Amino acid sequence: MDGKSTLRRAAVTGGSCAILLALNSAPARADDRSHGSCAPGSAQCAGGAGEWRSAAGAIALRAALGMLGVPYSWGGGGPAGPGFGVGTGRRTWGFDCSGLTEYAWAAAGVRIGPTTREQWRSGARIRKAQVRPGDLVFYDSKPKSPGPEHVGLAVDRDRIVNAPFTGEVVRLDPLNKPHFMGVVRPGAAAPVSIREGAAGGPGSAAR
């Protein structure tokens, strides 16, 4: 067994196995939703949009959990899965933080963009107490510069799937970490009261 497989097996054991078992009852596809064949976000879907987003979040989480143990690679990964990064990540096959979350939500059929800045604007802002599986959780360690600087994928209200930094692997980390910035649920329309103007608001092109 190669080193990547060993890391992945080690990371998936324990608590993450229980998470995967719990997700077995979630729909296998985002298309399997009770409100029929309407497109997410359309007027016809209004009654079932919450159910669709819940199913999509579960699919995104399942995809991210499948990458536990994959190395961190700066600029690495995307909708198709792990890949070689750029700069310090150019020789490492894996994911950076936003590459992992982009991959996870692509598995659910939702495009959220490759950078933390785009992903911060990819859905509705959610209160921390209302976090659901698959929500994007953002952190900003440099408040004086455009952010956010980092993103993870919520497992529940206490944990995230996280591609943390060079030298580490995709792992489970506490959601309550320093520099917490906010939560976004992809595919959900942001309420008018928290929508950002076209020329302002936090966001970073950094990954």
C-alpha atoms as a PDB file:
ATOM      1  CA  MET A   1       0.000   0.000   0.000  1.00  0.00           C
ATOM      2  CA  ASP A   2       1.441   3.401  -0.946  1.00  0.00           C
ATOM      3  CA  GLY A   3       1.846   6.332   1.423  1.00  0.00           C
ATOM      4  CA  LYS A   4      -1.258   8.186   0.205  1.00  0.00           C
ATOM      5  CA  SER A   5      -3.474   5.141   0.756  1.00  0.00           C
ATOM      6  CA  THR A   6      -2.025   4.594   4.217  1.00  0.00           C
ATOM      7  CA  LEU A   7      -2.681   8.212   5.198  1.00  0.00           C
ATOM      8  CA  ARG A   8      -6.221   8.041   3.880  1.00  0.00           C
ATOM      9  CA  ARG A   9      -7.029   4.814   5.709  1.00  0.00           C
ATOM     10  CA  ALA A  10      -5.649   6.205   8.956  1.00  0.00           C
ATOM     11  CA  ALA A  11      -7.625   9.430   8.636  1.00  0.00           C
ATOM     12  CA  VAL A  12     -10.916   7.748   7.757  1.00  0.00           C
ATOM     13  CA  THR A  13     -10.912   5.463  10.814  1.00  0.00           C
ATOM     14  CA  GLY A  14     -12.619   6.543  14.015  1.00  0.00           C
ATOM     15  CA  GLY A  15     -15.143   9.360  13.992  1.00  0.00           C
ATOM     16  CA  SER A  16     -15.255   9.791  10.219  1.00  0.00           C
ATOM     17  CA  CYS A  17     -16.487   6.195   9.785  1.00  0.00           C
ATOM     18  CA  ALA A  18     -19.529   7.023  11.894  1.00  0.00           C
ATOM     19  CA  ILE A  19     -20.145  10.120   9.768  1.00  0.00           C
ATOM     20  CA  LEU A  20     -20.098   8.084   6.569  1.00  0.00           C
ATOM     21  CA  LEU A  21     -22.495   5.546   8.053  1.00  0.00           C
ATOM     22  CA  ALA A  22     -24.891   8.324   9.013  1.00  0.00           C
ATOM     23  CA  LEU A  23     -24.752   9.671   5.462  1.00  0.00           C
ATOM     24  CA  ASN A  24     -25.792   6.324   3.997  1.00  0.00           C
ATOM     25  CA  SER A  25     -29.415   7.358   4.491  1.00  0.00           C
ATOM     26  CA  ALA A  26     -28.911  10.564   2.455  1.00  0.00           C
ATOM     27  CA  PRO A  27     -29.931  10.609  -1.238  1.00  0.00           C
ATOM     28  CA  ALA A  28     -27.189   9.371  -3.558  1.00  0.00           C
ATOM     29  CA  ARG A  29     -27.873  12.180  -6.061  1.00  0.00           C
ATOM     30  CA  ALA A  30     -28.970  15.777  -5.754  1.00  0.00           C
ATOM     31  CA  ASP A  31     -31.562  15.008  -8.456  1.00  0.00           C
ATOM     32  CA  ASP A  32     -33.441  12.676  -6.064  1.00  0.00           C
ATOM     33  CA  ARG A  33     -35.532  15.398  -4.440  1.00  0.00           C
ATOM     34  CA  SER A  34     -39.143  15.341  -3.453  1.00  0.00           C
ATOM     35  CA  HIS A  35     -40.225  18.436  -5.389  1.00  0.00           C
ATOM     36  CA  GLY A  36     -39.786  16.891  -8.818  1.00  0.00           C
ATOM     37  CA  SER A  37     -37.691  17.847 -11.804  1.00  0.00           C
ATOM     38  CA  CYS A  38     -37.630  21.621 -11.465  1.00  0.00           C
ATOM     39  CA  ALA A  39     -34.337  23.484 -11.445  1.00  0.00           C
ATOM     40  CA  PRO A  40     -32.956  24.565  -8.060  1.00  0.00           C
ATOM     41  CA  GLY A  41     -33.705  28.213  -7.409  1.00  0.00           C
ATOM     42  CA  SER A  42     -36.680  28.382  -9.774  1.00  0.00           C
ATOM     43  CA  ALA A  43     -40.119  29.514  -8.624  1.00  0.00           C
ATOM     44  CA  GLN A  44     -41.451  25.967  -9.054  1.00  0.00           C
ATOM     45  CA  CYS A  45     -38.845  24.716  -6.609  1.00  0.00           C
ATOM     46  CA  ALA A  46     -39.698  27.128  -3.827  1.00  0.00           C
ATOM     47  CA  GLY A  47     -41.473  24.507  -1.737  1.00  0.00           C
ATOM     48  CA  GLY A  48     -38.671  21.946  -1.935  1.00  0.00           C
ATOM     49  CA  ALA A  49     -35.557  24.094  -2.157  1.00  0.00           C
ATOM     50  CA  GLY A  50     -34.617  23.363   1.446  1.00  0.00           C
ATOM     51  CA  GLU A  51     -34.830  19.623   0.835  1.00  0.00           C
ATOM     52  CA  TRP A  52     -32.693  19.899  -2.302  1.00  0.00           C
ATOM     53  CA  ARG A  53     -30.006  21.933  -0.533  1.00  0.00           C
ATOM     54  CA  SER A  54     -29.943  19.474   2.365  1.00  0.00           C
ATOM     55  CA  ALA A  55     -29.443  16.559  -0.034  1.00  0.00           C
ATOM     56  CA  ALA A  56     -26.788  18.446  -2.000  1.00  0.00           C
ATOM     57  CA  GLY A  57     -24.931  19.309   1.208  1.00  0.00           C
ATOM     58  CA  ALA A  58     -24.891  15.651   2.235  1.00  0.00           C
ATOM     59  CA  ILE A  59     -23.482  14.673  -1.172  1.00  0.00           C
ATOM     60  CA  ALA A  60     -20.791  17.369  -0.912  1.00  0.00           C
ATOM     61  CA  LEU A  61     -19.843  16.165   2.564  1.00  0.00           C
ATOM     62  CA  ARG A  62     -19.637  12.548   1.430  1.00  0.00           C
ATOM     63  CA  ALA A  63     -17.297  13.588  -1.397  1.00  0.00           C
ATOM     64  CA  ALA A  64     -15.056  15.573   0.961  1.00  0.00           C
ATOM     65  CA  LEU A  65     -14.881  12.729   3.485  1.00  0.00           C
ATOM     66  CA  GLY A  66     -13.723  10.469   0.669  1.00  0.00           C
ATOM     67  CA  MET A  67     -10.626  12.681   0.345  1.00  0.00           C
ATOM     68  CA  LEU A  68      -9.481  12.389   3.978  1.00  0.00           C
ATOM     69  CA  GLY A  69      -5.750  11.741   4.051  1.00  0.00           C
ATOM     70  CA  VAL A  70      -5.009  13.350   0.671  1.00  0.00           C
ATOM     71  CA  PRO A  71      -2.042  15.761   0.958  1.00  0.00           C
ATOM     72  CA  TYR A  72      -2.420  19.529   1.078  1.00  0.00           C
ATOM     73  CA  SER A  73      -1.169  21.170  -2.130  1.00  0.00           C
ATOM     74  CA  TRP A  74      -1.179  24.955  -2.569  1.00  0.00           C
ATOM     75  CA  GLY A  75      -3.390  25.691  -5.593  1.00  0.00           C
ATOM     76  CA  GLY A  76      -4.128  21.988  -6.013  1.00  0.00           C
ATOM     77  CA  GLY A  77      -7.362  20.248  -6.890  1.00  0.00           C
ATOM     78  CA  GLY A  78     -10.643  21.330  -8.414  1.00  0.00           C
ATOM     79  CA  PRO A  79     -13.974  19.987  -9.687  1.00  0.00           C
ATOM     80  CA  ALA A  80     -12.368  16.823 -11.101  1.00  0.00           C
ATOM     81  CA  GLY A  81     -10.530  15.924  -7.885  1.00  0.00           C
ATOM     82  CA  PRO A  82      -6.977  16.194  -6.532  1.00  0.00           C
ATOM     83  CA  GLY A  83      -4.231  17.632  -8.704  1.00  0.00           C
ATOM     84  CA  PHE A  84      -0.804  19.210  -8.657  1.00  0.00           C
ATOM     85  CA  GLY A  85      -0.751  22.746  -7.336  1.00  0.00           C
ATOM     86  CA  VAL A  86       1.355  25.824  -8.028  1.00  0.00           C
ATOM     87  CA  GLY A  87       4.266  27.418  -6.204  1.00  0.00           C
ATOM     88  CA  THR A  88       4.981  25.367  -3.100  1.00  0.00           C
ATOM     89  CA  GLY A  89       2.345  22.871  -4.249  1.00  0.00           C
ATOM     90  CA  ARG A  90       3.668  22.285  -7.756  1.00  0.00           C
ATOM     91  CA  ARG A  91       5.163  18.886  -6.856  1.00  0.00           C
ATOM     92  CA  THR A  92       2.385  17.741  -4.546  1.00  0.00           C
ATOM     93  CA  TRP A  93      -0.748  15.935  -5.735  1.00  0.00           C
ATOM     94  CA  GLY A  94      -3.657  16.982  -3.558  1.00  0.00           C
ATOM     95  CA  PHE A  95      -5.950  19.830  -2.558  1.00  0.00           C
ATOM     96  CA  ASP A  96      -5.767  23.261  -1.048  1.00  0.00           C
ATOM     97  CA  CYS A  97      -8.715  24.462   1.021  1.00  0.00           C
ATOM     98  CA  SER A  98     -10.869  25.909  -1.748  1.00  0.00           C
ATOM     99  CA  GLY A  99      -9.885  23.180  -4.205  1.00  0.00           C
ATOM    100  CA  LEU A 100     -11.337  20.620  -1.780  1.00  0.00           C
ATOM    101  CA  THR A 101     -14.599  22.505  -1.269  1.00  0.00           C
ATOM    102  CA  GLU A 102     -14.949  23.154  -5.008  1.00  0.00           C
ATOM    103  CA  TYR A 103     -14.540  19.416  -5.663  1.00  0.00           C
ATOM    104  CA  ALA A 104     -17.050  18.479  -2.956  1.00  0.00           C
ATOM    105  CA  TRP A 105     -19.797  20.757  -4.237  1.00  0.00           C
ATOM    106  CA  ALA A 106     -19.097  19.834  -7.874  1.00  0.00           C
ATOM    107  CA  ALA A 107     -19.944  16.256  -6.861  1.00  0.00           C
ATOM    108  CA  ALA A 108     -23.371  17.613  -5.878  1.00  0.00           C
ATOM    109  CA  GLY A 109     -23.732  19.383  -9.229  1.00  0.00           C
ATOM    110  CA  VAL A 110     -23.108  22.901  -7.884  1.00  0.00           C
ATOM    111  CA  ARG A 111     -20.333  25.180  -9.151  1.00  0.00           C
ATOM    112  CA  ILE A 112     -19.002  27.459  -6.422  1.00  0.00           C
ATOM    113  CA  GLY A 113     -15.791  28.749  -8.066  1.00  0.00           C
ATOM    114  CA  PRO A 114     -12.133  27.969  -7.358  1.00  0.00           C
ATOM    115  CA  THR A 115     -11.232  30.696  -4.856  1.00  0.00           C
ATOM    116  CA  THR A 116     -12.316  31.560  -1.341  1.00  0.00           C
ATOM    117  CA  ARG A 117     -13.575  34.930  -2.562  1.00  0.00           C
ATOM    118  CA  GLU A 118     -15.885  33.366  -5.146  1.00  0.00           C
ATOM    119  CA  GLN A 119     -17.051  30.710  -2.705  1.00  0.00           C
ATOM    120  CA  TRP A 120     -17.841  33.349  -0.072  1.00  0.00           C
ATOM    121  CA  ARG A 121     -20.335  34.776  -2.586  1.00  0.00           C
ATOM    122  CA  SER A 122     -21.733  31.425  -3.766  1.00  0.00           C
ATOM    123  CA  GLY A 123     -24.877  31.303  -1.615  1.00  0.00           C
ATOM    124  CA  ALA A 124     -26.681  32.559   1.461  1.00  0.00           C
ATOM    125  CA  ARG A 125     -25.003  33.541   4.717  1.00  0.00           C
ATOM    126  CA  ILE A 126     -26.070  31.193   7.497  1.00  0.00           C
ATOM    127  CA  ARG A 127     -25.985  31.750  11.246  1.00  0.00           C
ATOM    128  CA  LYS A 128     -23.406  29.599  12.999  1.00  0.00           C
ATOM    129  CA  ALA A 129     -26.130  27.927  15.069  1.00  0.00           C
ATOM    130  CA  GLN A 130     -27.878  26.816  11.863  1.00  0.00           C
ATOM    131  CA  VAL A 131     -24.912  25.049  10.224  1.00  0.00           C
ATOM    132  CA  ARG A 132     -25.803  21.928   8.252  1.00  0.00           C
ATOM    133  CA  PRO A 133     -23.609  19.249   6.642  1.00  0.00           C
ATOM    134  CA  GLY A 134     -21.880  20.598   3.539  1.00  0.00           C
ATOM    135  CA  ASP A 135     -22.064  24.285   4.436  1.00  0.00           C
ATOM    136  CA  LEU A 136     -18.928  26.301   3.693  1.00  0.00           C
ATOM    137  CA  VAL A 137     -17.194  27.646   6.805  1.00  0.00           C
ATOM    138  CA  PHE A 138     -14.855  30.609   6.331  1.00  0.00           C
ATOM    139  CA  TYR A 139     -11.968  32.037   8.334  1.00  0.00           C
ATOM    140  CA  ASP A 140     -10.061  35.292   7.891  1.00  0.00           C
ATOM    141  CA  SER A 141      -6.709  35.661   9.627  1.00  0.00           C
ATOM    142  CA  LYS A 142      -5.909  38.956   7.869  1.00  0.00           C
ATOM    143  CA  PRO A 143      -8.865  41.301   8.469  1.00  0.00           C
ATOM    144  CA  LYS A 144      -7.006  44.297   7.012  1.00  0.00           C
ATOM    145  CA  SER A 145      -6.741  42.628   3.596  1.00  0.00           C
ATOM    146  CA  PRO A 146      -9.504  41.258   1.366  1.00  0.00           C
ATOM    147  CA  GLY A 147     -10.630  37.868   2.619  1.00  0.00           C
ATOM    148  CA  PRO A 148     -11.620  35.270   3.541  1.00  0.00           C
ATOM    149  CA  GLU A 149      -8.296  33.469   3.710  1.00  0.00           C
ATOM    150  CA  HIS A 150      -9.514  29.932   4.370  1.00  0.00           C
ATOM    151  CA  VAL A 151     -12.534  27.642   3.939  1.00  0.00           C
ATOM    152  CA  GLY A 152     -13.619  24.239   5.196  1.00  0.00           C
ATOM    153  CA  LEU A 153     -16.703  22.051   4.731  1.00  0.00           C
ATOM    154  CA  ALA A 154     -19.033  21.559   7.696  1.00  0.00           C
ATOM    155  CA  VAL A 155     -19.594  18.049   9.020  1.00  0.00           C
ATOM    156  CA  ASP A 156     -21.903  19.329  11.748  1.00  0.00           C
ATOM    157  CA  ARG A 157     -21.912  22.263  14.166  1.00  0.00           C
ATOM    158  CA  ASP A 158     -18.634  21.159  15.725  1.00  0.00           C
ATOM    159  CA  ARG A 159     -16.399  19.836  12.925  1.00  0.00           C
ATOM    160  CA  ILE A 160     -15.205  20.614   9.412  1.00  0.00           C
ATOM    161  CA  VAL A 161     -13.409  18.664   6.687  1.00  0.00           C
ATOM    162  CA  ASN A 162     -10.296  20.763   6.218  1.00  0.00           C
ATOM    163  CA  ALA A 163      -7.279  20.987   3.908  1.00  0.00           C
ATOM    164  CA  PRO A 164      -5.226  23.030   6.390  1.00  0.00           C
ATOM    165  CA  PHE A 165      -1.704  23.878   5.171  1.00  0.00           C
ATOM    166  CA  THR A 166       1.450  22.606   3.455  1.00  0.00           C
ATOM    167  CA  GLY A 167       2.796  19.443   5.059  1.00  0.00           C
ATOM    168  CA  GLU A 168      -0.604  18.297   6.325  1.00  0.00           C
ATOM    169  CA  VAL A 169      -3.397  16.187   4.825  1.00  0.00           C
ATOM    170  CA  VAL A 170      -7.153  16.613   4.459  1.00  0.00           C
ATOM    171  CA  ARG A 171      -8.509  15.960   7.945  1.00  0.00           C
ATOM    172  CA  LEU A 172     -11.298  16.606  10.425  1.00  0.00           C
ATOM    173  CA  ASP A 173     -10.823  19.777  12.496  1.00  0.00           C
ATOM    174  CA  PRO A 174     -12.933  21.725  15.002  1.00  0.00           C
ATOM    175  CA  LEU A 175     -15.305  24.221  13.414  1.00  0.00           C
ATOM    176  CA  ASN A 176     -14.695  26.648  16.259  1.00  0.00           C
ATOM    177  CA  LYS A 177     -11.277  27.908  15.272  1.00  0.00           C
ATOM    178  CA  PRO A 178      -9.623  31.325  15.579  1.00  0.00           C
ATOM    179  CA  HIS A 179     -10.539  33.917  12.939  1.00  0.00           C
ATOM    180  CA  PHE A 180     -13.990  32.447  12.216  1.00  0.00           C
ATOM    181  CA  MET A 181     -15.681  34.695   9.632  1.00  0.00           C
ATOM    182  CA  GLY A 182     -18.992  33.146   8.590  1.00  0.00           C
ATOM    183  CA  VAL A 183     -20.935  30.337   6.939  1.00  0.00           C
ATOM    184  CA  VAL A 184     -22.318  30.106   3.401  1.00  0.00           C
ATOM    185  CA  ARG A 185     -24.818  27.575   2.035  1.00  0.00           C
ATOM    186  CA  PRO A 186     -24.164  27.182  -1.721  1.00  0.00           C
ATOM    187  CA  GLY A 187     -27.128  27.403  -4.041  1.00  0.00           C
ATOM    188  CA  ALA A 188     -29.259  29.390  -1.598  1.00  0.00           C
ATOM    189  CA  ALA A 189     -30.179  33.005  -2.375  1.00  0.00           C
ATOM    190  CA  ALA A 190     -28.721  35.497   0.051  1.00  0.00           C
ATOM    191  CA  PRO A 191     -31.286  37.641   1.918  1.00  0.00           C
ATOM    192  CA  VAL A 192     -31.235  41.272   0.836  1.00  0.00           C
ATOM    193  CA  SER A 193     -30.050  42.359   4.284  1.00  0.00           C
ATOM    194  CA  ILE A 194     -26.754  40.475   3.945  1.00  0.00           C
ATOM    195  CA  ARG A 195     -26.066  40.684   0.227  1.00  0.00           C
ATOM    196  CA  GLU A 196     -22.841  42.438  -0.667  1.00  0.00           C
ATOM    197  CA  GLY A 197     -22.675  45.300  -3.099  1.00  0.00           C
ATOM    198  CA  ALA A 198     -20.923  44.701  -6.362  1.00  0.00           C
ATOM    199  CA  ALA A 199     -17.969  46.837  -5.317  1.00  0.00           C
ATOM    200  CA  GLY A 200     -17.495  45.883  -1.682  1.00  0.00           C
ATOM    201  CA  GLY A 201     -17.456  43.298   1.064  1.00  0.00           C
ATOM    202  CA  PRO A 202     -14.920  40.718   2.136  1.00  0.00           C
ATOM    203  CA  GLY A 203     -13.438  38.214  -0.261  1.00  0.00           C
ATOM    204  CA  SER A 204     -10.052  37.062  -1.451  1.00  0.00           C
ATOM    205  CA  ALA A 205      -8.730  35.777  -4.704  1.00  0.00           C
ATOM    206  CA  ALA A 206      -6.255  33.748  -2.680  1.00  0.00           C
ATOM    207  CA  ARG A 207      -6.699  30.046  -2.220  1.00  0.00           C
END
